[in-house]
N, C-alpha and C. Protein backbone atom coordinates (compact mmCIF):
# COMPACT_ATOMS: atom_id res chain seq x y z
N MET A 1 21.75 4.18 20.19
CA MET A 1 21.46 4.93 18.97
C MET A 1 19.96 4.95 18.76
N ASP A 2 19.35 6.12 18.89
CA ASP A 2 17.90 6.26 18.76
C ASP A 2 17.55 6.55 17.31
N VAL A 3 16.97 5.56 16.62
CA VAL A 3 16.66 5.68 15.20
C VAL A 3 15.17 5.44 15.01
N ALA A 4 14.54 6.25 14.18
CA ALA A 4 13.12 6.08 13.90
C ALA A 4 12.86 4.71 13.29
N PRO A 5 11.66 4.16 13.42
CA PRO A 5 11.34 2.87 12.81
C PRO A 5 11.50 2.92 11.29
N PHE A 6 11.99 1.83 10.74
CA PHE A 6 12.21 1.73 9.29
C PHE A 6 11.09 0.93 8.66
N GLN A 7 10.51 1.48 7.60
CA GLN A 7 9.46 0.79 6.86
C GLN A 7 10.01 0.39 5.51
N ALA A 8 10.09 -0.90 5.26
CA ALA A 8 10.63 -1.40 4.00
C ALA A 8 9.69 -1.08 2.85
N SER A 9 10.25 -1.05 1.64
CA SER A 9 9.46 -0.80 0.45
C SER A 9 8.77 -2.08 -0.01
N LEU A 10 7.52 -1.96 -0.45
CA LEU A 10 6.82 -3.11 -1.01
C LEU A 10 7.42 -3.54 -2.33
N LEU A 11 8.21 -2.66 -2.96
CA LEU A 11 8.82 -2.97 -4.25
C LEU A 11 10.18 -3.64 -4.11
N ASP A 12 10.66 -3.78 -2.88
CA ASP A 12 12.02 -4.31 -2.67
C ASP A 12 11.98 -5.40 -1.60
N ALA A 13 11.50 -6.57 -2.01
CA ALA A 13 11.38 -7.68 -1.07
C ALA A 13 12.56 -8.65 -1.16
N ALA A 14 13.56 -8.33 -2.00
CA ALA A 14 14.68 -9.24 -2.20
C ALA A 14 15.52 -9.34 -0.92
N ALA A 15 15.89 -10.57 -0.56
CA ALA A 15 16.74 -10.77 0.61
C ALA A 15 18.21 -10.59 0.26
N SER A 16 18.59 -10.94 -0.98
CA SER A 16 19.97 -10.74 -1.41
C SER A 16 20.13 -9.34 -1.96
N VAL A 17 21.37 -8.87 -2.00
CA VAL A 17 21.66 -7.51 -2.46
C VAL A 17 22.45 -7.60 -3.76
N GLU A 18 21.94 -6.95 -4.80
CA GLU A 18 22.60 -6.97 -6.11
C GLU A 18 22.68 -5.55 -6.65
N VAL A 19 23.80 -5.24 -7.30
CA VAL A 19 23.97 -3.95 -7.96
C VAL A 19 23.50 -4.08 -9.40
N GLY A 20 22.58 -3.21 -9.81
CA GLY A 20 22.02 -3.28 -11.14
C GLY A 20 22.94 -2.70 -12.20
N PRO A 21 22.54 -2.77 -13.47
CA PRO A 21 23.34 -2.19 -14.55
C PRO A 21 23.25 -0.67 -14.56
N LEU A 22 24.22 -0.04 -15.16
CA LEU A 22 24.21 1.41 -15.34
C LEU A 22 24.07 1.79 -16.81
N ALA A 23 24.81 1.15 -17.68
CA ALA A 23 24.76 1.49 -19.11
C ALA A 23 23.34 1.33 -19.63
N GLY A 24 22.81 2.38 -20.23
CA GLY A 24 21.48 2.35 -20.79
C GLY A 24 20.37 2.63 -19.80
N ASP A 25 20.69 2.67 -18.50
CA ASP A 25 19.66 2.89 -17.47
C ASP A 25 19.82 4.20 -16.74
N VAL A 26 20.89 4.93 -16.99
CA VAL A 26 21.15 6.20 -16.32
C VAL A 26 20.56 7.34 -17.15
N ARG A 27 19.85 8.25 -16.49
CA ARG A 27 19.28 9.42 -17.16
C ARG A 27 20.07 10.66 -16.72
N ARG A 28 20.59 11.40 -17.70
CA ARG A 28 21.37 12.60 -17.38
C ARG A 28 20.51 13.85 -17.56
N ARG A 29 20.66 14.77 -16.62
CA ARG A 29 19.99 16.06 -16.69
C ARG A 29 21.04 17.16 -16.64
N ALA A 30 21.11 17.94 -17.69
CA ALA A 30 22.05 19.05 -17.74
C ALA A 30 21.54 20.20 -16.88
N LEU A 31 22.45 20.79 -16.11
CA LEU A 31 22.15 21.96 -15.31
C LEU A 31 22.86 23.16 -15.93
N SER A 32 23.02 24.23 -15.19
CA SER A 32 23.70 25.41 -15.72
C SER A 32 25.20 25.33 -15.44
N ALA A 33 25.96 26.14 -16.18
CA ALA A 33 27.39 26.35 -15.92
C ALA A 33 28.21 25.07 -16.01
N GLY A 34 27.80 24.15 -16.87
CA GLY A 34 28.56 22.92 -17.05
C GLY A 34 28.32 21.85 -16.01
N ALA A 35 27.32 22.02 -15.18
CA ALA A 35 26.98 21.01 -14.17
C ALA A 35 25.94 20.04 -14.73
N TRP A 36 25.89 18.84 -14.17
CA TRP A 36 24.88 17.85 -14.57
C TRP A 36 24.66 16.87 -13.42
N VAL A 37 23.54 16.16 -13.50
CA VAL A 37 23.28 15.07 -12.57
C VAL A 37 22.81 13.86 -13.38
N ASP A 38 23.24 12.69 -12.97
CA ASP A 38 22.76 11.42 -13.50
C ASP A 38 21.87 10.77 -12.45
N LEU A 39 20.78 10.16 -12.89
CA LEU A 39 19.85 9.47 -12.00
C LEU A 39 19.66 8.04 -12.45
N ARG A 40 19.70 7.11 -11.50
CA ARG A 40 19.41 5.70 -11.76
C ARG A 40 18.53 5.21 -10.60
N PRO A 41 17.19 5.26 -10.78
CA PRO A 41 16.31 4.80 -9.71
C PRO A 41 16.47 3.31 -9.44
N ARG A 42 16.34 2.92 -8.18
CA ARG A 42 16.35 1.52 -7.75
C ARG A 42 17.57 0.77 -8.28
N TRP A 43 18.71 1.40 -8.16
CA TRP A 43 19.94 0.77 -8.67
C TRP A 43 20.31 -0.47 -7.87
N ILE A 44 20.08 -0.42 -6.57
CA ILE A 44 20.44 -1.53 -5.69
C ILE A 44 19.21 -2.40 -5.44
N GLU A 45 19.25 -3.63 -5.92
CA GLU A 45 18.18 -4.58 -5.61
C GLU A 45 18.47 -5.19 -4.23
N GLY A 46 17.44 -5.29 -3.40
CA GLY A 46 17.67 -5.71 -2.02
C GLY A 46 18.20 -4.57 -1.17
N ALA A 47 17.88 -3.32 -1.57
CA ALA A 47 18.42 -2.15 -0.88
C ALA A 47 17.98 -2.08 0.57
N ASP A 48 16.78 -2.57 0.87
CA ASP A 48 16.32 -2.49 2.25
C ASP A 48 17.11 -3.43 3.15
N ALA A 49 17.48 -4.58 2.63
CA ALA A 49 18.34 -5.49 3.40
C ALA A 49 19.71 -4.86 3.63
N LEU A 50 20.24 -4.17 2.60
CA LEU A 50 21.53 -3.50 2.76
C LEU A 50 21.42 -2.37 3.78
N PHE A 51 20.33 -1.63 3.73
CA PHE A 51 20.12 -0.58 4.74
C PHE A 51 20.23 -1.15 6.15
N GLU A 52 19.54 -2.25 6.40
CA GLU A 52 19.54 -2.82 7.75
C GLU A 52 20.93 -3.32 8.14
N ARG A 53 21.67 -3.89 7.19
CA ARG A 53 23.03 -4.34 7.50
C ARG A 53 23.93 -3.17 7.87
N LEU A 54 23.83 -2.08 7.12
CA LEU A 54 24.67 -0.92 7.41
C LEU A 54 24.22 -0.23 8.70
N ARG A 55 22.93 -0.08 8.87
CA ARG A 55 22.44 0.56 10.10
C ARG A 55 22.95 -0.16 11.34
N ASP A 56 22.95 -1.50 11.29
CA ASP A 56 23.31 -2.28 12.47
C ASP A 56 24.80 -2.58 12.56
N GLY A 57 25.52 -2.52 11.44
CA GLY A 57 26.91 -2.98 11.44
C GLY A 57 27.97 -1.91 11.34
N VAL A 58 27.63 -0.70 10.89
CA VAL A 58 28.62 0.36 10.75
C VAL A 58 28.89 1.01 12.11
N PRO A 59 30.13 1.32 12.42
CA PRO A 59 30.43 2.01 13.68
C PRO A 59 30.12 3.51 13.57
N TRP A 60 28.86 3.84 13.62
CA TRP A 60 28.42 5.22 13.48
C TRP A 60 28.96 6.08 14.62
N ARG A 61 29.27 7.32 14.31
CA ARG A 61 29.75 8.23 15.34
C ARG A 61 29.03 9.58 15.22
N ALA A 62 28.81 10.20 16.35
CA ALA A 62 28.29 11.56 16.40
C ALA A 62 29.47 12.53 16.44
N GLU A 63 29.34 13.65 15.72
CA GLU A 63 30.40 14.65 15.72
C GLU A 63 29.82 16.01 16.07
N ARG A 64 30.71 16.91 16.48
CA ARG A 64 30.33 18.28 16.80
C ARG A 64 31.23 19.22 16.00
N ARG A 65 30.74 20.42 15.74
CA ARG A 65 31.55 21.40 15.02
C ARG A 65 31.23 22.80 15.53
N SER A 66 32.18 23.71 15.31
CA SER A 66 31.98 25.10 15.70
C SER A 66 31.12 25.81 14.67
N MET A 67 30.13 26.57 15.15
CA MET A 67 29.25 27.31 14.25
C MET A 67 28.70 28.51 15.02
N TYR A 68 28.89 29.69 14.44
CA TYR A 68 28.37 30.91 15.04
C TYR A 68 28.82 31.05 16.51
N GLU A 69 30.12 30.87 16.71
CA GLU A 69 30.77 31.07 18.01
C GLU A 69 30.29 30.09 19.08
N ARG A 70 29.76 28.95 18.68
CA ARG A 70 29.43 27.91 19.64
C ARG A 70 29.61 26.55 18.99
N VAL A 71 29.70 25.52 19.81
CA VAL A 71 29.88 24.16 19.31
C VAL A 71 28.52 23.47 19.31
N VAL A 72 28.16 22.89 18.16
CA VAL A 72 26.84 22.27 18.01
C VAL A 72 27.02 20.84 17.51
N ASP A 73 25.99 20.02 17.77
CA ASP A 73 25.98 18.65 17.26
C ASP A 73 25.69 18.66 15.77
N ILE A 74 26.42 17.85 15.00
CA ILE A 74 26.07 17.62 13.59
C ILE A 74 24.80 16.78 13.56
N PRO A 75 23.76 17.23 12.85
CA PRO A 75 22.47 16.54 12.92
C PRO A 75 22.37 15.30 12.03
N ARG A 76 23.27 14.38 12.21
CA ARG A 76 23.26 13.07 11.55
C ARG A 76 24.45 12.31 12.10
N LEU A 77 24.46 10.99 11.94
CA LEU A 77 25.60 10.17 12.34
C LEU A 77 26.47 9.89 11.12
N LEU A 78 27.76 9.69 11.35
CA LEU A 78 28.73 9.64 10.25
C LEU A 78 29.64 8.43 10.35
N ALA A 79 30.16 8.03 9.20
CA ALA A 79 31.26 7.07 9.11
C ALA A 79 32.02 7.39 7.83
N PHE A 80 33.32 7.13 7.82
CA PHE A 80 34.14 7.46 6.65
C PHE A 80 35.16 6.36 6.41
N TYR A 81 35.32 6.00 5.14
CA TYR A 81 36.28 4.97 4.72
C TYR A 81 37.19 5.58 3.66
N GLY A 82 38.46 5.71 4.01
CA GLY A 82 39.42 6.31 3.10
C GLY A 82 39.96 5.32 2.09
N GLY A 83 40.81 5.81 1.22
CA GLY A 83 41.43 4.96 0.20
C GLY A 83 42.19 3.81 0.83
N GLY A 84 41.95 2.60 0.35
CA GLY A 84 42.61 1.42 0.87
C GLY A 84 41.90 0.76 2.03
N GLU A 85 40.91 1.42 2.64
CA GLU A 85 40.17 0.81 3.74
C GLU A 85 39.08 -0.12 3.20
N VAL A 86 38.84 -1.20 3.91
CA VAL A 86 37.80 -2.14 3.51
C VAL A 86 36.44 -1.54 3.82
N LEU A 87 35.55 -1.54 2.84
CA LEU A 87 34.21 -1.00 3.03
C LEU A 87 33.39 -1.93 3.93
N PRO A 88 32.37 -1.40 4.59
CA PRO A 88 31.67 -2.19 5.61
C PRO A 88 30.74 -3.27 5.08
N ASP A 89 30.57 -3.35 3.76
CA ASP A 89 29.71 -4.39 3.19
C ASP A 89 30.19 -4.68 1.77
N PRO A 90 30.21 -5.94 1.36
CA PRO A 90 30.65 -6.26 -0.01
C PRO A 90 29.81 -5.59 -1.08
N ALA A 91 28.54 -5.30 -0.80
CA ALA A 91 27.70 -4.64 -1.80
C ALA A 91 28.20 -3.23 -2.11
N LEU A 92 28.78 -2.55 -1.13
CA LEU A 92 29.33 -1.23 -1.40
C LEU A 92 30.57 -1.32 -2.27
N ALA A 93 31.39 -2.33 -2.06
CA ALA A 93 32.55 -2.53 -2.94
C ALA A 93 32.10 -2.82 -4.36
N ALA A 94 31.04 -3.62 -4.51
CA ALA A 94 30.51 -3.92 -5.84
C ALA A 94 29.95 -2.66 -6.50
N ALA A 95 29.28 -1.81 -5.71
CA ALA A 95 28.75 -0.56 -6.25
C ALA A 95 29.88 0.36 -6.71
N ARG A 96 30.91 0.47 -5.90
CA ARG A 96 32.05 1.31 -6.28
C ARG A 96 32.71 0.79 -7.54
N ASP A 97 32.88 -0.53 -7.67
CA ASP A 97 33.49 -1.09 -8.87
C ASP A 97 32.64 -0.81 -10.10
N ALA A 98 31.32 -0.90 -9.96
CA ALA A 98 30.43 -0.62 -11.09
C ALA A 98 30.50 0.84 -11.50
N LEU A 99 30.59 1.74 -10.52
CA LEU A 99 30.74 3.16 -10.83
C LEU A 99 32.07 3.43 -11.53
N ASP A 100 33.13 2.80 -11.04
CA ASP A 100 34.44 2.97 -11.68
C ASP A 100 34.38 2.54 -13.14
N GLU A 101 33.77 1.41 -13.40
CA GLU A 101 33.71 0.91 -14.78
C GLU A 101 32.89 1.82 -15.67
N HIS A 102 31.75 2.28 -15.17
CA HIS A 102 30.85 3.07 -16.01
C HIS A 102 31.40 4.46 -16.30
N TYR A 103 32.04 5.08 -15.30
CA TYR A 103 32.46 6.47 -15.45
C TYR A 103 33.95 6.63 -15.73
N ALA A 104 34.67 5.53 -15.96
CA ALA A 104 36.13 5.60 -16.10
C ALA A 104 36.56 6.57 -17.18
N ALA A 105 35.97 6.47 -18.36
CA ALA A 105 36.41 7.32 -19.47
C ALA A 105 36.11 8.79 -19.21
N GLU A 106 34.97 9.07 -18.61
CA GLU A 106 34.57 10.46 -18.39
C GLU A 106 35.26 11.08 -17.18
N LEU A 107 35.39 10.34 -16.11
CA LEU A 107 36.00 10.86 -14.89
C LEU A 107 37.52 10.83 -14.97
N GLY A 108 38.07 9.79 -15.57
CA GLY A 108 39.52 9.69 -15.73
C GLY A 108 40.26 9.22 -14.49
N GLU A 109 39.55 8.78 -13.48
CA GLU A 109 40.15 8.25 -12.26
C GLU A 109 39.10 7.42 -11.53
N ARG A 110 39.49 6.84 -10.41
CA ARG A 110 38.60 5.95 -9.69
C ARG A 110 37.93 6.67 -8.51
N PHE A 111 36.80 6.15 -8.09
CA PHE A 111 36.20 6.56 -6.83
C PHE A 111 36.99 5.87 -5.71
N VAL A 112 37.45 6.64 -4.75
CA VAL A 112 38.41 6.14 -3.76
C VAL A 112 37.82 6.06 -2.35
N THR A 113 37.08 7.09 -1.94
CA THR A 113 36.58 7.16 -0.57
C THR A 113 35.07 6.92 -0.53
N ALA A 114 34.59 6.56 0.65
CA ALA A 114 33.15 6.39 0.87
C ALA A 114 32.79 7.05 2.20
N GLY A 115 31.93 8.05 2.14
CA GLY A 115 31.40 8.67 3.34
C GLY A 115 29.96 8.25 3.54
N LEU A 116 29.61 7.85 4.75
CA LEU A 116 28.26 7.39 5.05
C LEU A 116 27.61 8.32 6.05
N CYS A 117 26.33 8.64 5.82
CA CYS A 117 25.54 9.45 6.74
C CYS A 117 24.28 8.69 7.10
N LEU A 118 23.94 8.66 8.38
CA LEU A 118 22.69 8.07 8.85
C LEU A 118 21.80 9.19 9.37
N TYR A 119 20.69 9.40 8.68
CA TYR A 119 19.67 10.36 9.10
C TYR A 119 18.64 9.58 9.91
N ARG A 120 18.61 9.81 11.21
CA ARG A 120 17.82 8.96 12.09
C ARG A 120 16.32 9.23 12.00
N ASP A 121 15.95 10.46 11.72
CA ASP A 121 14.55 10.85 11.56
C ASP A 121 14.53 12.21 10.87
N GLY A 122 13.35 12.85 10.83
CA GLY A 122 13.23 14.11 10.12
C GLY A 122 14.00 15.26 10.73
N ARG A 123 14.46 15.13 11.96
CA ARG A 123 15.24 16.19 12.58
C ARG A 123 16.67 16.22 12.08
N ASP A 124 17.16 15.11 11.54
CA ASP A 124 18.50 15.07 10.97
C ASP A 124 18.49 15.67 9.57
N SER A 125 19.60 16.33 9.19
CA SER A 125 19.61 17.07 7.94
C SER A 125 21.05 17.38 7.56
N VAL A 126 21.19 18.02 6.39
CA VAL A 126 22.47 18.62 6.01
C VAL A 126 22.16 19.93 5.31
N ALA A 127 22.86 20.99 5.70
CA ALA A 127 22.59 22.33 5.18
C ALA A 127 23.14 22.48 3.76
N TRP A 128 22.76 23.57 3.12
CA TRP A 128 23.25 23.85 1.77
C TRP A 128 24.77 23.89 1.74
N HIS A 129 25.37 23.18 0.79
CA HIS A 129 26.82 23.14 0.68
C HIS A 129 27.19 22.52 -0.67
N GLY A 130 28.45 22.63 -1.04
CA GLY A 130 29.05 21.87 -2.13
C GLY A 130 30.28 21.17 -1.59
N ASP A 131 30.68 20.08 -2.24
CA ASP A 131 31.88 19.35 -1.81
C ASP A 131 33.11 20.05 -2.40
N ARG A 132 33.45 21.18 -1.79
CA ARG A 132 34.48 22.05 -2.35
C ARG A 132 35.79 22.01 -1.58
N ILE A 133 35.90 21.11 -0.59
CA ILE A 133 37.19 20.94 0.07
C ILE A 133 38.08 20.11 -0.84
N GLY A 134 39.30 20.56 -1.07
CA GLY A 134 40.18 19.85 -1.99
C GLY A 134 39.89 20.22 -3.44
N ARG A 135 40.07 19.28 -4.33
CA ARG A 135 39.99 19.57 -5.77
C ARG A 135 38.59 19.93 -6.23
N GLY A 136 37.56 19.53 -5.46
CA GLY A 136 36.20 19.84 -5.86
C GLY A 136 35.91 21.32 -5.93
N GLY A 137 36.71 22.13 -5.26
CA GLY A 137 36.51 23.57 -5.28
C GLY A 137 37.10 24.26 -6.49
N ARG A 138 37.90 23.54 -7.28
CA ARG A 138 38.55 24.20 -8.42
C ARG A 138 38.53 23.37 -9.70
N GLN A 139 38.10 22.12 -9.64
CA GLN A 139 38.10 21.26 -10.82
C GLN A 139 36.75 20.55 -10.95
N ASP A 140 36.39 20.23 -12.20
CA ASP A 140 35.25 19.36 -12.41
C ASP A 140 35.53 17.99 -11.81
N THR A 141 34.53 17.40 -11.21
CA THR A 141 34.69 16.08 -10.62
C THR A 141 33.32 15.42 -10.55
N MET A 142 33.24 14.29 -9.85
CA MET A 142 31.97 13.59 -9.65
C MET A 142 31.85 13.16 -8.21
N VAL A 143 30.63 13.19 -7.71
CA VAL A 143 30.27 12.60 -6.41
C VAL A 143 29.05 11.72 -6.66
N ALA A 144 29.19 10.43 -6.39
CA ALA A 144 28.11 9.47 -6.60
C ALA A 144 27.50 9.12 -5.26
N ILE A 145 26.18 9.23 -5.16
CA ILE A 145 25.48 9.01 -3.89
C ILE A 145 24.44 7.91 -4.06
N VAL A 146 24.56 6.87 -3.26
CA VAL A 146 23.55 5.81 -3.17
C VAL A 146 22.73 6.08 -1.92
N VAL A 147 21.40 6.07 -2.07
CA VAL A 147 20.51 6.39 -0.96
C VAL A 147 19.70 5.15 -0.60
N LEU A 148 19.76 4.78 0.67
CA LEU A 148 19.07 3.60 1.18
C LEU A 148 18.09 4.03 2.26
N GLY A 149 17.07 3.23 2.47
CA GLY A 149 16.11 3.53 3.50
C GLY A 149 14.97 4.39 3.01
N CYS A 150 14.33 5.09 3.92
CA CYS A 150 13.13 5.85 3.61
C CYS A 150 13.47 7.07 2.74
N PRO A 151 12.68 7.34 1.72
CA PRO A 151 12.97 8.47 0.84
C PRO A 151 12.92 9.81 1.57
N ARG A 152 13.86 10.67 1.20
CA ARG A 152 13.91 12.06 1.64
C ARG A 152 14.29 12.90 0.43
N PRO A 153 13.91 14.16 0.38
CA PRO A 153 14.30 15.00 -0.75
C PRO A 153 15.76 15.44 -0.65
N LEU A 154 16.47 15.34 -1.78
CA LEU A 154 17.75 16.00 -1.96
C LEU A 154 17.49 17.21 -2.85
N LEU A 155 17.85 18.39 -2.36
CA LEU A 155 17.61 19.63 -3.10
C LEU A 155 18.91 20.12 -3.71
N LEU A 156 18.82 20.65 -4.92
CA LEU A 156 19.96 21.30 -5.57
C LEU A 156 19.52 22.67 -6.04
N ARG A 157 20.42 23.66 -5.88
CA ARG A 157 20.14 25.00 -6.40
C ARG A 157 21.45 25.65 -6.82
N PRO A 158 21.41 26.62 -7.74
CA PRO A 158 22.64 27.30 -8.13
C PRO A 158 23.31 27.95 -6.94
N ARG A 159 24.62 27.92 -6.93
CA ARG A 159 25.36 28.53 -5.83
C ARG A 159 25.03 30.02 -5.77
N GLY A 160 24.74 30.50 -4.58
CA GLY A 160 24.33 31.89 -4.43
C GLY A 160 22.84 32.07 -4.39
N GLY A 161 22.09 30.99 -4.61
CA GLY A 161 20.64 31.06 -4.51
C GLY A 161 19.94 30.91 -5.85
N GLY A 162 18.66 30.69 -5.79
CA GLY A 162 17.85 30.49 -6.98
C GLY A 162 16.89 29.35 -6.76
N PRO A 163 16.02 29.10 -7.75
CA PRO A 163 15.06 28.00 -7.60
C PRO A 163 15.76 26.67 -7.42
N ALA A 164 15.20 25.83 -6.54
CA ALA A 164 15.81 24.55 -6.22
C ALA A 164 15.14 23.43 -7.00
N LEU A 165 15.95 22.45 -7.38
CA LEU A 165 15.45 21.20 -7.93
C LEU A 165 15.29 20.20 -6.78
N ARG A 166 14.30 19.34 -6.88
CA ARG A 166 13.99 18.40 -5.81
C ARG A 166 14.04 16.98 -6.35
N PHE A 167 14.84 16.13 -5.70
CA PHE A 167 14.95 14.72 -6.07
C PHE A 167 14.59 13.88 -4.85
N GLU A 168 13.52 13.11 -4.95
CA GLU A 168 13.08 12.26 -3.85
C GLU A 168 13.82 10.93 -3.98
N LEU A 169 14.73 10.65 -3.05
CA LEU A 169 15.65 9.52 -3.20
C LEU A 169 15.56 8.60 -1.99
N GLY A 170 15.61 7.30 -2.25
CA GLY A 170 15.61 6.29 -1.20
C GLY A 170 15.53 4.91 -1.80
N HIS A 171 15.61 3.87 -0.95
CA HIS A 171 15.43 2.48 -1.37
C HIS A 171 16.32 2.10 -2.56
N GLY A 172 17.60 2.52 -2.53
CA GLY A 172 18.56 2.06 -3.52
C GLY A 172 18.75 2.95 -4.71
N ASP A 173 18.23 4.18 -4.69
CA ASP A 173 18.41 5.11 -5.81
C ASP A 173 19.84 5.62 -5.86
N LEU A 174 20.29 5.96 -7.07
CA LEU A 174 21.62 6.52 -7.30
C LEU A 174 21.48 7.89 -7.94
N ILE A 175 22.23 8.86 -7.43
CA ILE A 175 22.39 10.15 -8.08
C ILE A 175 23.88 10.45 -8.17
N VAL A 176 24.33 10.91 -9.33
CA VAL A 176 25.72 11.29 -9.54
C VAL A 176 25.74 12.77 -9.93
N MET A 177 26.45 13.58 -9.15
CA MET A 177 26.62 14.99 -9.46
C MET A 177 27.96 15.17 -10.16
N GLY A 178 27.94 15.73 -11.37
CA GLY A 178 29.17 15.80 -12.15
C GLY A 178 29.40 17.14 -12.79
N GLY A 179 30.49 17.21 -13.57
CA GLY A 179 30.87 18.46 -14.19
C GLY A 179 31.26 19.47 -13.13
N SER A 180 30.74 20.69 -13.26
CA SER A 180 31.06 21.76 -12.29
C SER A 180 30.12 21.78 -11.10
N CYS A 181 29.33 20.72 -10.90
CA CYS A 181 28.24 20.76 -9.94
C CYS A 181 28.69 21.17 -8.53
N GLN A 182 29.83 20.67 -8.07
CA GLN A 182 30.26 20.98 -6.71
C GLN A 182 30.69 22.44 -6.56
N ARG A 183 31.16 23.05 -7.65
CA ARG A 183 31.59 24.45 -7.60
C ARG A 183 30.45 25.42 -7.84
N THR A 184 29.51 25.07 -8.70
CA THR A 184 28.53 26.05 -9.17
C THR A 184 27.12 25.80 -8.63
N TRP A 185 26.90 24.66 -7.98
CA TRP A 185 25.61 24.35 -7.37
C TRP A 185 25.83 23.92 -5.92
N ASP A 186 24.81 24.07 -5.11
CA ASP A 186 24.80 23.57 -3.74
C ASP A 186 23.70 22.52 -3.61
N HIS A 187 23.84 21.65 -2.61
CA HIS A 187 22.82 20.64 -2.35
C HIS A 187 22.57 20.54 -0.85
N ALA A 188 21.39 20.01 -0.50
CA ALA A 188 20.98 19.94 0.90
C ALA A 188 19.95 18.84 1.08
N VAL A 189 19.88 18.33 2.30
CA VAL A 189 18.78 17.46 2.74
C VAL A 189 18.11 18.20 3.89
N PRO A 190 16.94 18.81 3.65
CA PRO A 190 16.33 19.65 4.69
C PRO A 190 15.68 18.82 5.80
N LYS A 191 15.49 19.47 6.93
CA LYS A 191 14.72 18.86 8.01
C LYS A 191 13.27 18.66 7.56
N SER A 192 12.59 17.76 8.21
CA SER A 192 11.19 17.49 7.90
C SER A 192 10.37 17.52 9.18
N SER A 193 9.23 18.22 9.12
CA SER A 193 8.32 18.23 10.27
C SER A 193 7.39 17.02 10.25
N ARG A 194 7.38 16.28 9.14
CA ARG A 194 6.57 15.07 9.04
C ARG A 194 7.30 13.91 9.70
N PRO A 195 6.58 12.93 10.19
CA PRO A 195 7.25 11.72 10.67
C PRO A 195 7.88 10.98 9.48
N VAL A 196 9.18 10.83 9.50
CA VAL A 196 9.88 10.12 8.43
C VAL A 196 10.82 9.09 9.05
N GLY A 197 11.01 8.00 8.33
CA GLY A 197 11.89 6.95 8.80
C GLY A 197 13.35 7.25 8.50
N PRO A 198 14.25 6.38 8.91
CA PRO A 198 15.68 6.61 8.76
C PRO A 198 16.15 6.43 7.31
N ARG A 199 17.27 7.05 7.03
CA ARG A 199 17.83 7.09 5.68
C ARG A 199 19.35 7.02 5.80
N ILE A 200 20.00 6.28 4.92
CA ILE A 200 21.46 6.24 4.83
C ILE A 200 21.87 6.70 3.45
N SER A 201 22.82 7.61 3.37
CA SER A 201 23.42 7.97 2.09
C SER A 201 24.89 7.54 2.10
N VAL A 202 25.32 7.01 0.97
CA VAL A 202 26.71 6.58 0.79
C VAL A 202 27.29 7.41 -0.33
N GLN A 203 28.30 8.22 -0.02
CA GLN A 203 28.88 9.13 -1.02
C GLN A 203 30.24 8.61 -1.46
N PHE A 204 30.34 8.23 -2.72
CA PHE A 204 31.61 7.79 -3.29
C PHE A 204 32.27 8.99 -3.96
N ARG A 205 33.55 9.22 -3.63
CA ARG A 205 34.27 10.37 -4.17
C ARG A 205 35.65 9.96 -4.66
N PRO A 206 36.18 10.68 -5.66
CA PRO A 206 37.59 10.49 -6.04
C PRO A 206 38.53 11.03 -4.97
N ARG A 207 39.80 10.81 -5.18
CA ARG A 207 40.83 11.30 -4.27
C ARG A 207 40.75 12.80 -4.09
N ASP A 208 40.91 13.26 -2.84
CA ASP A 208 41.01 14.66 -2.50
C ASP A 208 39.77 15.47 -2.91
N VAL A 209 38.62 14.87 -2.76
CA VAL A 209 37.34 15.57 -2.92
C VAL A 209 36.54 15.32 -1.66
N ARG A 210 36.15 16.40 -0.96
CA ARG A 210 35.37 16.27 0.28
C ARG A 210 34.30 17.36 0.33
């Protein structure tokens, strides 16, 4: 697995990994059409240590998909943990439990699955999309993303085009996309021509949202 060198943050020297509080520390930004995003910077203390544990311990796999009448490599490595599967690190289970507790009343259900993406360098990316497979295409829902490793921009724009919002996320930041966000907005992690280090995103989703 060829991964760019990782540079730890000077602000995150903790060897142990702890999930921070959410109540009172989450900032919500309303978007259009009933969509919103919540932001909690540096939610994971010791995030760089967690990044290294996941980078080295998760059974990452490369996948291919059909696109424009040919089969191409997906430009990132993937791992997926379905409902009932043990997550690859206790810190991720603690993060999921904290999200369940904080959003229980608003979401009305639990976060069940965890999808992990490893962006090895600036050539890895994800194109504009919404998580509209399953219920996300027809119902309001939430997707919570914890970002570890070197910061990269996550872009959001209204579905169909328009000015994009830019969120620079890494080193344990949390973003939660809620309301109609998956139906009415798209998000992407663009390629970078600059030398950038590796990044892991962990996406927690409710049942039947992909």
